[in-house]
Amino acid sequence: MLRSMRFFLKNPVNRYFGLVNAALIGAQIAVLVWKMEPGNAQVFLHYTTYLGVDFVGSAYIMYGIPLGGIFCTILNTAGAWHISKKDMFFAYLITTGTVLINILLLVHAILLIRLNG
């Protein structure tokens, strides 16, 4: 089991996407820590063009964005590792999808900061 995980992580594509995911999660955390002060202040958490602001809550809830990115990365990497034993192409698709999800989470964090700024 550990041997197959080692071969999965030695693959340059998987290693590169893992590093990109880690960098994107780090960027999410850095943006939120740099721009938002943690506390119990009320902030806008969701905005739609039809309704405007429709979800307001404490500022610490915004730190759930990088937590969701970490959870998604771990879950999808484990799934890609499991699938890579049978088909490497689908494992690449899962890891690529994880990068796209983390990019969208970073954009979401930036837009929430602009909304509350």
PDB file of N, CA and C in Angstrom:
ATOM      1  N   MET A   1       0.821  -1.186   0.000  1.00  0.00           N
ATOM      2  CA  MET A   1       0.000   0.000   0.000  1.00  0.00           C
ATOM      3  C   MET A   1       0.868   1.254   0.000  1.00  0.00           C
ATOM      4  N   LEU A   2       1.879   1.316   0.868  1.00  0.00           N
ATOM      5  CA  LEU A   2       2.742   2.484   0.904  1.00  0.00           C
ATOM      6  C   LEU A   2       3.599   2.583  -0.348  1.00  0.00           C
ATOM      7  N   ARG A   3       3.920   1.429  -0.921  1.00  0.00           N
ATOM      8  CA  ARG A   3       4.715   1.434  -2.139  1.00  0.00           C
ATOM      9  C   ARG A   3       3.932   2.071  -3.287  1.00  0.00           C
ATOM     10  N   SER A   4       2.655   1.728  -3.412  1.00  0.00           N
ATOM     11  CA  SER A   4       1.857   2.317  -4.486  1.00  0.00           C
ATOM     12  C   SER A   4       1.642   3.814  -4.250  1.00  0.00           C
ATOM     13  N   MET A   5       1.536   4.236  -2.984  1.00  0.00           N
ATOM     14  CA  MET A   5       1.412   5.661  -2.686  1.00  0.00           C
ATOM     15  C   MET A   5       2.712   6.388  -3.048  1.00  0.00           C
ATOM     16  N   ARG A   6       3.838   5.761  -2.802  1.00  0.00           N
ATOM     17  CA  ARG A   6       5.117   6.367  -3.134  1.00  0.00           C
ATOM     18  C   ARG A   6       5.243   6.533  -4.651  1.00  0.00           C
ATOM     19  N   PHE A   7       4.840   5.521  -5.417  1.00  0.00           N
ATOM     20  CA  PHE A   7       4.885   5.637  -6.872  1.00  0.00           C
ATOM     21  C   PHE A   7       3.894   6.674  -7.382  1.00  0.00           C
ATOM     22  N   PHE A   8       2.748   6.799  -6.723  1.00  0.00           N
ATOM     23  CA  PHE A   8       1.771   7.816  -7.104  1.00  0.00           C
ATOM     24  C   PHE A   8       2.351   9.212  -6.895  1.00  0.00           C
ATOM     25  N   LEU A   9       3.033   9.422  -5.785  1.00  0.00           N
ATOM     26  CA  LEU A   9       3.595  10.734  -5.494  1.00  0.00           C
ATOM     27  C   LEU A   9       4.878  11.013  -6.265  1.00  0.00           C
ATOM     28  N   LYS A  10       5.560   9.982  -6.777  1.00  0.00           N
ATOM     29  CA  LYS A  10       6.753  10.188  -7.593  1.00  0.00           C
ATOM     30  C   LYS A  10       6.400  10.622  -9.012  1.00  0.00           C
ATOM     31  N   ASN A  11       5.167  10.391  -9.415  1.00  0.00           N
ATOM     32  CA  ASN A  11       4.737  10.805 -10.741  1.00  0.00           C
ATOM     33  C   ASN A  11       4.824  12.330 -10.819  1.00  0.00           C
ATOM     34  N   PRO A  12       5.514  12.891 -11.818  1.00  0.00           N
ATOM     35  CA  PRO A  12       5.698  14.347 -11.870  1.00  0.00           C
ATOM     36  C   PRO A  12       4.385  15.122 -11.964  1.00  0.00           C
ATOM     37  N   VAL A  13       3.410  14.586 -12.671  1.00  0.00           N
ATOM     38  CA  VAL A  13       2.130  15.285 -12.810  1.00  0.00           C
ATOM     39  C   VAL A  13       1.429  15.370 -11.452  1.00  0.00           C
ATOM     40  N   ASN A  14       1.390  14.274 -10.740  1.00  0.00           N
ATOM     41  CA  ASN A  14       0.737  14.278  -9.438  1.00  0.00           C
ATOM     42  C   ASN A  14       1.481  15.161  -8.445  1.00  0.00           C
ATOM     43  N   ARG A  15       2.793  15.119  -8.484  1.00  0.00           N
ATOM     44  CA  ARG A  15       3.588  15.954  -7.579  1.00  0.00           C
ATOM     45  C   ARG A  15       3.374  17.437  -7.901  1.00  0.00           C
ATOM     46  N   TYR A  16       3.381  17.789  -9.182  1.00  0.00           N
ATOM     47  CA  TYR A  16       3.189  19.180  -9.588  1.00  0.00           C
ATOM     48  C   TYR A  16       1.806  19.688  -9.154  1.00  0.00           C
ATOM     49  N   PHE A  17       0.768  18.911  -9.432  1.00  0.00           N
ATOM     50  CA  PHE A  17      -0.574  19.346  -9.044  1.00  0.00           C
ATOM     51  C   PHE A  17      -0.740  19.389  -7.524  1.00  0.00           C
ATOM     52  N   GLY A  18      -0.057  18.514  -6.817  1.00  0.00           N
ATOM     53  CA  GLY A  18      -0.093  18.576  -5.353  1.00  0.00           C
ATOM     54  C   GLY A  18       0.535  19.851  -4.831  1.00  0.00           C
ATOM     55  N   LEU A  19       1.664  20.250  -5.426  1.00  0.00           N
ATOM     56  CA  LEU A  19       2.305  21.499  -5.026  1.00  0.00           C
ATOM     57  C   LEU A  19       1.457  22.710  -5.396  1.00  0.00           C
ATOM     58  N   VAL A  20       0.811  22.667  -6.554  1.00  0.00           N
ATOM     59  CA  VAL A  20      -0.065  23.765  -6.958  1.00  0.00           C
ATOM     60  C   VAL A  20      -1.252  23.871  -6.000  1.00  0.00           C
ATOM     61  N   ASN A  21      -1.827  22.735  -5.612  1.00  0.00           N
ATOM     62  CA  ASN A  21      -2.929  22.751  -4.643  1.00  0.00           C
ATOM     63  C   ASN A  21      -2.479  23.333  -3.310  1.00  0.00           C
ATOM     64  N   ALA A  22      -1.300  22.942  -2.856  1.00  0.00           N
ATOM     65  CA  ALA A  22      -0.791  23.482  -1.593  1.00  0.00           C
ATOM     66  C   ALA A  22      -0.560  24.987  -1.687  1.00  0.00           C
ATOM     67  N   ALA A  23      -0.044  25.445  -2.824  1.00  0.00           N
ATOM     68  CA  ALA A  23       0.177  26.884  -3.011  1.00  0.00           C
ATOM     69  C   ALA A  23      -1.144  27.650  -3.047  1.00  0.00           C
ATOM     70  N   LEU A  24      -2.159  27.084  -3.702  1.00  0.00           N
ATOM     71  CA  LEU A  24      -3.457  27.755  -3.770  1.00  0.00           C
ATOM     72  C   LEU A  24      -4.125  27.821  -2.400  1.00  0.00           C
ATOM     73  N   ILE A  25      -4.019  26.761  -1.622  1.00  0.00           N
ATOM     74  CA  ILE A  25      -4.584  26.782  -0.273  1.00  0.00           C
ATOM     75  C   ILE A  25      -3.820  27.773   0.594  1.00  0.00           C
ATOM     76  N   GLY A  26      -2.509  27.808   0.439  1.00  0.00           N
ATOM     77  CA  GLY A  26      -1.721  28.806   1.168  1.00  0.00           C
ATOM     78  C   GLY A  26      -2.099  30.224   0.770  1.00  0.00           C
ATOM     79  N   ALA A  27      -2.379  30.449  -0.510  1.00  0.00           N
ATOM     80  CA  ALA A  27      -2.806  31.767  -0.969  1.00  0.00           C
ATOM     81  C   ALA A  27      -4.170  32.133  -0.396  1.00  0.00           C
ATOM     82  N   GLN A  28      -5.068  31.165  -0.301  1.00  0.00           N
ATOM     83  CA  GLN A  28      -6.378  31.429   0.304  1.00  0.00           C
ATOM     84  C   GLN A  28      -6.218  31.862   1.757  1.00  0.00           C
ATOM     85  N   ILE A  29      -5.404  31.130   2.491  1.00  0.00           N
ATOM     86  CA  ILE A  29      -5.186  31.463   3.902  1.00  0.00           C
ATOM     87  C   ILE A  29      -4.509  32.824   4.028  1.00  0.00           C
ATOM     88  N   ALA A  30      -3.495  33.066   3.193  1.00  0.00           N
ATOM     89  CA  ALA A  30      -2.767  34.336   3.266  1.00  0.00           C
ATOM     90  C   ALA A  30      -3.667  35.523   2.956  1.00  0.00           C
ATOM     91  N   VAL A  31      -4.502  35.393   1.946  1.00  0.00           N
ATOM     92  CA  VAL A  31      -5.406  36.493   1.583  1.00  0.00           C
ATOM     93  C   VAL A  31      -6.391  36.779   2.710  1.00  0.00           C
ATOM     94  N   LEU A  32      -6.939  35.728   3.295  1.00  0.00           N
ATOM     95  CA  LEU A  32      -7.911  35.937   4.368  1.00  0.00           C
ATOM     96  C   LEU A  32      -7.255  36.498   5.626  1.00  0.00           C
ATOM     97  N   VAL A  33      -6.080  36.016   5.973  1.00  0.00           N
ATOM     98  CA  VAL A  33      -5.402  36.526   7.170  1.00  0.00           C
ATOM     99  C   VAL A  33      -4.944  37.959   6.951  1.00  0.00           C
ATOM    100  N   TRP A  34      -4.481  38.264   5.740  1.00  0.00           N
ATOM    101  CA  TRP A  34      -3.953  39.590   5.460  1.00  0.00           C
ATOM    102  C   TRP A  34      -5.055  40.649   5.421  1.00  0.00           C
ATOM    103  N   LYS A  35      -6.199  40.321   4.840  1.00  0.00           N
ATOM    104  CA  LYS A  35      -7.240  41.315   4.636  1.00  0.00           C
ATOM    105  C   LYS A  35      -8.363  41.300   5.671  1.00  0.00           C
ATOM    106  N   MET A  36      -8.643  40.163   6.270  1.00  0.00           N
ATOM    107  CA  MET A  36      -9.765  40.064   7.206  1.00  0.00           C
ATOM    108  C   MET A  36      -9.244  39.876   8.622  1.00  0.00           C
ATOM    109  N   GLU A  37      -9.819  40.608   9.538  1.00  0.00           N
ATOM    110  CA  GLU A  37      -9.466  40.430  10.933  1.00  0.00           C
ATOM    111  C   GLU A  37     -10.398  39.394  11.540  1.00  0.00           C
ATOM    112  N   PRO A  38      -9.840  38.342  12.147  1.00  0.00           N
ATOM    113  CA  PRO A  38     -10.725  37.349  12.763  1.00  0.00           C
ATOM    114  C   PRO A  38     -11.427  37.949  13.967  1.00  0.00           C
ATOM    115  N   GLY A  39     -12.650  37.573  14.126  1.00  0.00           N
ATOM    116  CA  GLY A  39     -13.432  38.078  15.245  1.00  0.00           C
ATOM    117  C   GLY A  39     -14.898  37.775  15.044  1.00  0.00           C
ATOM    118  N   ASN A  40     -15.698  38.363  15.881  1.00  0.00           N
ATOM    119  CA  ASN A  40     -17.132  38.128  15.812  1.00  0.00           C
ATOM    120  C   ASN A  40     -17.879  39.226  15.069  1.00  0.00           C
ATOM    121  N   ALA A  41     -17.163  40.079  14.351  1.00  0.00           N
ATOM    122  CA  ALA A  41     -17.817  41.125  13.580  1.00  0.00           C
ATOM    123  C   ALA A  41     -18.655  40.495  12.465  1.00  0.00           C
ATOM    124  N   GLN A  42     -19.774  41.106  12.170  1.00  0.00           N
ATOM    125  CA  GLN A  42     -20.643  40.607  11.113  1.00  0.00           C
ATOM    126  C   GLN A  42     -20.102  41.026   9.753  1.00  0.00           C
ATOM    127  N   VAL A  43     -20.003  40.060   8.852  1.00  0.00           N
ATOM    128  CA  VAL A  43     -19.533  40.308   7.486  1.00  0.00           C
ATOM    129  C   VAL A  43     -20.502  39.668   6.507  1.00  0.00           C
ATOM    130  N   PHE A  44     -20.446  40.146   5.270  1.00  0.00           N
ATOM    131  CA  PHE A  44     -21.260  39.559   4.217  1.00  0.00           C
ATOM    132  C   PHE A  44     -20.573  38.290   3.724  1.00  0.00           C
ATOM    133  N   LEU A  45     -21.299  37.197   3.652  1.00  0.00           N
ATOM    134  CA  LEU A  45     -20.712  35.921   3.265  1.00  0.00           C
ATOM    135  C   LEU A  45     -21.189  35.412   1.908  1.00  0.00           C
ATOM    136  N   HIS A  46     -22.272  35.969   1.395  1.00  0.00           N
ATOM    137  CA  HIS A  46     -22.762  35.532   0.090  1.00  0.00           C
ATOM    138  C   HIS A  46     -23.500  36.677  -0.567  1.00  0.00           C
ATOM    139  N   TYR A  47     -23.294  36.833  -1.864  1.00  0.00           N
ATOM    140  CA  TYR A  47     -23.920  37.899  -2.627  1.00  0.00           C
ATOM    141  C   TYR A  47     -24.402  37.337  -3.949  1.00  0.00           C
ATOM    142  N   THR A  48     -25.628  37.676  -4.331  1.00  0.00           N
ATOM    143  CA  THR A  48     -26.142  37.321  -5.649  1.00  0.00           C
ATOM    144  C   THR A  48     -26.610  38.591  -6.342  1.00  0.00           C
ATOM    145  N   THR A  49     -26.627  38.563  -7.666  1.00  0.00           N
ATOM    146  CA  THR A  49     -27.040  39.755  -8.399  1.00  0.00           C
ATOM    147  C   THR A  49     -28.538  39.978  -8.294  1.00  0.00           C
ATOM    148  N   TYR A  50     -29.311  38.924  -8.034  1.00  0.00           N
ATOM    149  CA  TYR A  50     -30.755  39.068  -7.938  1.00  0.00           C
ATOM    150  C   TYR A  50     -31.194  39.560  -6.570  1.00  0.00           C
ATOM    151  N   LEU A  51     -30.618  39.019  -5.523  1.00  0.00           N
ATOM    152  CA  LEU A  51     -31.063  39.325  -4.166  1.00  0.00           C
ATOM    153  C   LEU A  51     -30.123  40.229  -3.396  1.00  0.00           C
ATOM    154  N   GLY A  52     -28.922  40.439  -3.881  1.00  0.00           N
ATOM    155  CA  GLY A  52     -27.932  41.197  -3.128  1.00  0.00           C
ATOM    156  C   GLY A  52     -27.312  40.294  -2.074  1.00  0.00           C
ATOM    157  N   VAL A  53     -27.039  40.861  -0.915  1.00  0.00           N
ATOM    158  CA  VAL A  53     -26.449  40.082   0.172  1.00  0.00           C
ATOM    159  C   VAL A  53     -27.545  39.236   0.800  1.00  0.00           C
ATOM    160  N   ASP A  54     -27.322  37.928   0.844  1.00  0.00           N
ATOM    161  CA  ASP A  54     -28.351  37.062   1.409  1.00  0.00           C
ATOM    162  C   ASP A  54     -27.819  36.148   2.512  1.00  0.00           C
ATOM    163  N   PHE A  55     -26.560  36.310   2.906  1.00  0.00           N
ATOM    164  CA  PHE A  55     -26.029  35.525   4.004  1.00  0.00           C
ATOM    165  C   PHE A  55     -25.004  36.364   4.750  1.00  0.00           C
ATOM    166  N   VAL A  56     -25.285  36.629   6.004  1.00  0.00           N
ATOM    167  CA  VAL A  56     -24.416  37.434   6.853  1.00  0.00           C
ATOM    168  C   VAL A  56     -24.038  36.581   8.055  1.00  0.00           C
ATOM    169  N   GLY A  57     -22.775  36.662   8.466  1.00  0.00           N
ATOM    170  CA  GLY A  57     -22.334  35.888   9.622  1.00  0.00           C
ATOM    171  C   GLY A  57     -21.040  36.425  10.180  1.00  0.00           C
ATOM    172  N   SER A  58     -20.470  35.686  11.102  1.00  0.00           N
ATOM    173  CA  SER A  58     -19.218  36.092  11.745  1.00  0.00           C
ATOM    174  C   SER A  58     -18.047  35.953  10.777  1.00  0.00           C
ATOM    175  N   ALA A  59     -17.007  36.733  11.032  1.00  0.00           N
ATOM    176  CA  ALA A  59     -15.852  36.748  10.138  1.00  0.00           C
ATOM    177  C   ALA A  59     -15.100  35.428  10.155  1.00  0.00           C
ATOM    178  N   TYR A  60     -15.150  34.704  11.245  1.00  0.00           N
ATOM    179  CA  TYR A  60     -14.397  33.449  11.307  1.00  0.00           C
ATOM    180  C   TYR A  60     -14.977  32.384  10.386  1.00  0.00           C
ATOM    181  N   ILE A  61     -16.199  32.542   9.928  1.00  0.00           N
ATOM    182  CA  ILE A  61     -16.795  31.578   9.002  1.00  0.00           C
ATOM    183  C   ILE A  61     -16.081  31.621   7.650  1.00  0.00           C
ATOM    184  N   MET A  62     -15.472  32.765   7.319  1.00  0.00           N
ATOM    185  CA  MET A  62     -14.750  32.870   6.047  1.00  0.00           C
ATOM    186  C   MET A  62     -13.549  31.937   6.001  1.00  0.00           C
ATOM    187  N   TYR A  63     -13.045  31.534   7.157  1.00  0.00           N
ATOM    188  CA  TYR A  63     -11.899  30.621   7.181  1.00  0.00           C
ATOM    189  C   TYR A  63     -12.316  29.193   6.843  1.00  0.00           C
ATOM    190  N   GLY A  64     -13.580  28.972   6.611  1.00  0.00           N
ATOM    191  CA  GLY A  64     -14.055  27.685   6.127  1.00  0.00           C
ATOM    192  C   GLY A  64     -13.717  27.469   4.658  1.00  0.00           C
ATOM    193  N   ILE A  65     -13.403  28.543   3.941  1.00  0.00           N
ATOM    194  CA  ILE A  65     -13.049  28.422   2.524  1.00  0.00           C
ATOM    195  C   ILE A  65     -11.751  27.620   2.355  1.00  0.00           C
ATOM    196  N   PRO A  66     -10.651  27.987   3.025  1.00  0.00           N
ATOM    197  CA  PRO A  66      -9.459  27.152   2.877  1.00  0.00           C
ATOM    198  C   PRO A  66      -9.620  25.773   3.501  1.00  0.00           C
ATOM    199  N   LEU A  67     -10.438  25.676   4.542  1.00  0.00           N
ATOM    200  CA  LEU A  67     -10.689  24.369   5.145  1.00  0.00           C
ATOM    201  C   LEU A  67     -11.386  23.449   4.146  1.00  0.00           C
ATOM    202  N   GLY A  68     -12.333  24.002   3.391  1.00  0.00           N
ATOM    203  CA  GLY A  68     -12.980  23.228   2.332  1.00  0.00           C
ATOM    204  C   GLY A  68     -12.001  22.834   1.246  1.00  0.00           C
ATOM    205  N   GLY A  69     -11.051  23.718   0.918  1.00  0.00           N
ATOM    206  CA  GLY A  69     -10.018  23.387  -0.070  1.00  0.00           C
ATOM    207  C   GLY A  69      -9.115  22.260   0.407  1.00  0.00           C
ATOM    208  N   ILE A  70      -8.762  22.285   1.687  1.00  0.00           N
ATOM    209  CA  ILE A  70      -7.933  21.213   2.246  1.00  0.00           C
ATOM    210  C   ILE A  70      -8.689  19.893   2.211  1.00  0.00           C
ATOM    211  N   PHE A  71      -9.944  19.921   2.636  1.00  0.00           N
ATOM    212  CA  PHE A  71     -10.757  18.709   2.650  1.00  0.00           C
ATOM    213  C   PHE A  71     -10.921  18.154   1.236  1.00  0.00           C
ATOM    214  N   CYS A  72     -11.207  19.023   0.278  1.00  0.00           N
ATOM    215  CA  CYS A  72     -11.387  18.595  -1.114  1.00  0.00           C
ATOM    216  C   CYS A  72     -10.093  18.016  -1.675  1.00  0.00           C
ATOM    217  N   THR A  73      -8.962  18.643  -1.362  1.00  0.00           N
ATOM    218  CA  THR A  73      -7.675  18.160  -1.859  1.00  0.00           C
ATOM    219  C   THR A  73      -7.347  16.784  -1.294  1.00  0.00           C
ATOM    220  N   ILE A  74      -7.546  16.609  -0.005  1.00  0.00           N
ATOM    221  CA  ILE A  74      -7.251  15.314   0.609  1.00  0.00           C
ATOM    222  C   ILE A  74      -8.167  14.231   0.045  1.00  0.00           C
ATOM    223  N   LEU A  75      -9.445  14.525  -0.037  1.00  0.00           N
ATOM    224  CA  LEU A  75     -10.406  13.540  -0.526  1.00  0.00           C
ATOM    225  C   LEU A  75     -10.145  13.184  -1.984  1.00  0.00           C
ATOM    226  N   ASN A  76      -9.916  14.176  -2.816  1.00  0.00           N
ATOM    227  CA  ASN A  76      -9.688  13.903  -4.236  1.00  0.00           C
ATOM    228  C   ASN A  76      -8.335  13.248  -4.494  1.00  0.00           C
ATOM    229  N   THR A  77      -7.323  13.584  -3.710  1.00  0.00           N
ATOM    230  CA  THR A  77      -6.032  12.922  -3.871  1.00  0.00           C
ATOM    231  C   THR A  77      -6.127  11.453  -3.483  1.00  0.00           C
ATOM    232  N   ALA A  78      -6.849  11.174  -2.419  1.00  0.00           N
ATOM    233  CA  ALA A  78      -7.046   9.771  -2.038  1.00  0.00           C
ATOM    234  C   ALA A  78      -7.831   9.026  -3.115  1.00  0.00           C
ATOM    235  N   GLY A  79      -8.836   9.660  -3.683  1.00  0.00           N
ATOM    236  CA  GLY A  79      -9.591   9.029  -4.762  1.00  0.00           C
ATOM    237  C   GLY A  79      -8.751   8.826  -6.011  1.00  0.00           C
ATOM    238  N   ALA A  80      -7.916   9.815  -6.338  1.00  0.00           N
ATOM    239  CA  ALA A  80      -7.049   9.681  -7.509  1.00  0.00           C
ATOM    240  C   ALA A  80      -6.017   8.582  -7.295  1.00  0.00           C
ATOM    241  N   TRP A  81      -5.496   8.460  -6.086  1.00  0.00           N
ATOM    242  CA  TRP A  81      -4.548   7.394  -5.789  1.00  0.00           C
ATOM    243  C   TRP A  81      -5.207   6.026  -5.947  1.00  0.00           C
ATOM    244  N   HIS A  82      -6.442   5.924  -5.466  1.00  0.00           N
ATOM    245  CA  HIS A  82      -7.159   4.655  -5.573  1.00  0.00           C
ATOM    246  C   HIS A  82      -7.451   4.306  -7.037  1.00  0.00           C
ATOM    247  N   ILE A  83      -7.843   5.308  -7.819  1.00  0.00           N
ATOM    248  CA  ILE A  83      -8.178   5.074  -9.221  1.00  0.00           C
ATOM    249  C   ILE A  83      -6.924   4.859 -10.072  1.00  0.00           C
ATOM    250  N   SER A  84      -5.790   5.426  -9.644  1.00  0.00           N
ATOM    251  CA  SER A  84      -4.575   5.329 -10.457  1.00  0.00           C
ATOM    252  C   SER A  84      -4.082   3.898 -10.612  1.00  0.00           C
ATOM    253  N   LYS A  85      -4.528   3.010  -9.750  1.00  0.00           N
ATOM    254  CA  LYS A  85      -4.133   1.609  -9.882  1.00  0.00           C
ATOM    255  C   LYS A  85      -4.750   0.976 -11.126  1.00  0.00           C
ATOM    256  N   LYS A  86      -5.897   1.533 -11.564  1.00  0.00           N
ATOM    257  CA  LYS A  86      -6.597   0.970 -12.718  1.00  0.00           C
ATOM    258  C   LYS A  86      -6.446   1.832 -13.966  1.00  0.00           C
ATOM    259  N   ASP A  87      -6.578   3.147 -13.811  1.00  0.00           N
ATOM    260  CA  ASP A  87      -6.529   4.035 -14.973  1.00  0.00           C
ATOM    261  C   ASP A  87      -5.923   5.370 -14.563  1.00  0.00           C
ATOM    262  N   MET A  88      -4.762   5.676 -15.097  1.00  0.00           N
ATOM    263  CA  MET A  88      -4.058   6.895 -14.710  1.00  0.00           C
ATOM    264  C   MET A  88      -4.705   8.137 -15.303  1.00  0.00           C
ATOM    265  N   PHE A  89      -5.370   8.019 -16.438  1.00  0.00           N
ATOM    266  CA  PHE A  89      -5.999   9.177 -17.067  1.00  0.00           C
ATOM    267  C   PHE A  89      -7.065   9.792 -16.158  1.00  0.00           C
ATOM    268  N   PHE A  90      -7.899   8.966 -15.555  1.00  0.00           N
ATOM    269  CA  PHE A  90      -8.934   9.492 -14.669  1.00  0.00           C
ATOM    270  C   PHE A  90      -8.340  10.066 -13.388  1.00  0.00           C
ATOM    271  N   ALA A  91      -7.219   9.516 -12.958  1.00  0.00           N
ATOM    272  CA  ALA A  91      -6.521  10.095 -11.808  1.00  0.00           C
ATOM    273  C   ALA A  91      -6.020  11.492 -12.141  1.00  0.00           C
ATOM    274  N   TYR A  92      -5.507  11.670 -13.360  1.00  0.00           N
ATOM    275  CA  TYR A  92      -5.087  13.004 -13.790  1.00  0.00           C
ATOM    276  C   TYR A  92      -6.272  13.958 -13.860  1.00  0.00           C
ATOM    277  N   LEU A  93      -7.409  13.480 -14.327  1.00  0.00           N
ATOM    278  CA  LEU A  93      -8.599  14.326 -14.380  1.00  0.00           C
ATOM    279  C   LEU A  93      -9.029  14.772 -12.985  1.00  0.00           C
ATOM    280  N   ILE A  94      -8.958  13.877 -12.031  1.00  0.00           N
ATOM    281  CA  ILE A  94      -9.355  14.228 -10.661  1.00  0.00           C
ATOM    282  C   ILE A  94      -8.395  15.258 -10.084  1.00  0.00           C
ATOM    283  N   THR A  95      -7.109  15.066 -10.282  1.00  0.00           N
ATOM    284  CA  THR A  95      -6.154  16.036  -9.729  1.00  0.00           C
ATOM    285  C   THR A  95      -6.267  17.392 -10.431  1.00  0.00           C
ATOM    286  N   THR A  96      -6.533  17.383 -11.733  1.00  0.00           N
ATOM    287  CA  THR A  96      -6.755  18.637 -12.448  1.00  0.00           C
ATOM    288  C   THR A  96      -8.015  19.328 -11.947  1.00  0.00           C
ATOM    289  N   GLY A  97      -9.059  18.567 -11.708  1.00  0.00           N
ATOM    290  CA  GLY A  97     -10.295  19.127 -11.161  1.00  0.00           C
ATOM    291  C   GLY A  97     -10.100  19.717  -9.776  1.00  0.00           C
ATOM    292  N   THR A  98      -9.229  19.114  -8.992  1.00  0.00           N
ATOM    293  CA  THR A  98      -8.946  19.643  -7.664  1.00  0.00           C
ATOM    294  C   THR A  98      -8.249  20.991  -7.757  1.00  0.00           C
ATOM    295  N   VAL A  99      -7.355  21.136  -8.704  1.00  0.00           N
ATOM    296  CA  VAL A  99      -6.697  22.429  -8.911  1.00  0.00           C
ATOM    297  C   VAL A  99      -7.725  23.481  -9.311  1.00  0.00           C
ATOM    298  N   LEU A 100      -8.634  23.121 -10.198  1.00  0.00           N
ATOM    299  CA  LEU A 100      -9.661  24.076 -10.620  1.00  0.00           C
ATOM    300  C   LEU A 100     -10.575  24.466  -9.460  1.00  0.00           C
ATOM    301  N   ILE A 101     -10.915  23.520  -8.611  1.00  0.00           N
ATOM    302  CA  ILE A 101     -11.740  23.817  -7.444  1.00  0.00           C
ATOM    303  C   ILE A 101     -11.013  24.784  -6.512  1.00  0.00           C
ATOM    304  N   ASN A 102      -9.721  24.562  -6.293  1.00  0.00           N
ATOM    305  CA  ASN A 102      -8.977  25.459  -5.415  1.00  0.00           C
ATOM    306  C   ASN A 102      -8.804  26.848  -6.023  1.00  0.00           C
ATOM    307  N   ILE A 103      -8.702  26.932  -7.346  1.00  0.00           N
ATOM    308  CA  ILE A 103      -8.669  28.250  -7.997  1.00  0.00           C
ATOM    309  C   ILE A 103      -9.989  28.978  -7.772  1.00  0.00           C
ATOM    310  N   LEU A 104     -11.101  28.267  -7.921  1.00  0.00           N
ATOM    311  CA  LEU A 104     -12.408  28.887  -7.689  1.00  0.00           C
ATOM    312  C   LEU A 104     -12.582  29.300  -6.231  1.00  0.00           C
ATOM    313  N   LEU A 105     -12.072  28.518  -5.299  1.00  0.00           N
ATOM    314  CA  LEU A 105     -12.143  28.901  -3.892  1.00  0.00           C
ATOM    315  C   LEU A 105     -11.297  30.139  -3.609  1.00  0.00           C
ATOM    316  N   LEU A 106     -10.150  30.267  -4.267  1.00  0.00           N
ATOM    317  CA  LEU A 106      -9.334  31.469  -4.113  1.00  0.00           C
ATOM    318  C   LEU A 106     -10.058  32.695  -4.667  1.00  0.00           C
ATOM    319  N   VAL A 107     -10.680  32.550  -5.812  1.00  0.00           N
ATOM    320  CA  VAL A 107     -11.459  33.651  -6.389  1.00  0.00           C
ATOM    321  C   VAL A 107     -12.621  34.017  -5.463  1.00  0.00           C
ATOM    322  N   HIS A 108     -13.262  33.014  -4.897  1.00  0.00           N
ATOM    323  CA  HIS A 108     -14.362  33.248  -3.963  1.00  0.00           C
ATOM    324  C   HIS A 108     -13.886  34.028  -2.742  1.00  0.00           C
ATOM    325  N   ALA A 109     -12.744  33.668  -2.200  1.00  0.00           N
ATOM    326  CA  ALA A 109     -12.199  34.379  -1.042  1.00  0.00           C
ATOM    327  C   ALA A 109     -11.874  35.827  -1.401  1.00  0.00           C
ATOM    328  N   ILE A 110     -11.288  36.046  -2.576  1.00  0.00           N
ATOM    329  CA  ILE A 110     -10.951  37.410  -3.003  1.00  0.00           C
ATOM    330  C   ILE A 110     -12.210  38.243  -3.200  1.00  0.00           C
ATOM    331  N   LEU A 111     -13.233  37.656  -3.802  1.00  0.00           N
ATOM    332  CA  LEU A 111     -14.473  38.402  -4.016  1.00  0.00           C
ATOM    333  C   LEU A 111     -15.186  38.717  -2.710  1.00  0.00           C
ATOM    334  N   LEU A 112     -15.134  37.815  -1.743  1.00  0.00           N
ATOM    335  CA  LEU A 112     -15.729  38.118  -0.447  1.00  0.00           C
ATOM    336  C   LEU A 112     -14.991  39.240   0.262  1.00  0.00           C
ATOM    337  N   ILE A 113     -13.688  39.286   0.115  1.00  0.00           N
ATOM    338  CA  ILE A 113     -12.926  40.378   0.722  1.00  0.00           C
ATOM    339  C   ILE A 113     -13.271  41.697   0.046  1.00  0.00           C
ATOM    340  N   ARG A 114     -13.421  41.677  -1.268  1.00  0.00           N
ATOM    341  CA  ARG A 114     -13.823  42.918  -1.978  1.00  0.00           C
ATOM    342  C   ARG A 114     -15.225  43.337  -1.591  1.00  0.00           C
ATOM    343  N   LEU A 115     -16.101  42.379  -1.352  1.00  0.00           N
ATOM    344  CA  LEU A 115     -17.466  42.695  -0.951  1.00  0.00           C
ATOM    345  C   LEU A 115     -17.495  43.368   0.422  1.00  0.00           C
ATOM    346  N   ASN A 116     -16.647  42.900   1.313  1.00  0.00           N
ATOM    347  CA  ASN A 116     -16.640  43.433   2.665  1.00  0.00           C
ATOM    348  C   ASN A 116     -15.668  44.599   2.849  1.00  0.00           C
ATOM    349  N   GLY A 117     -14.911  44.921   1.831  1.00  0.00           N
ATOM    350  CA  GLY A 117     -13.877  45.964   1.959  1.00  0.00           C
ATOM    351  C   GLY A 117     -14.383  47.319   1.860  1.00  0.00           C
TER     352      GLY A 117
END
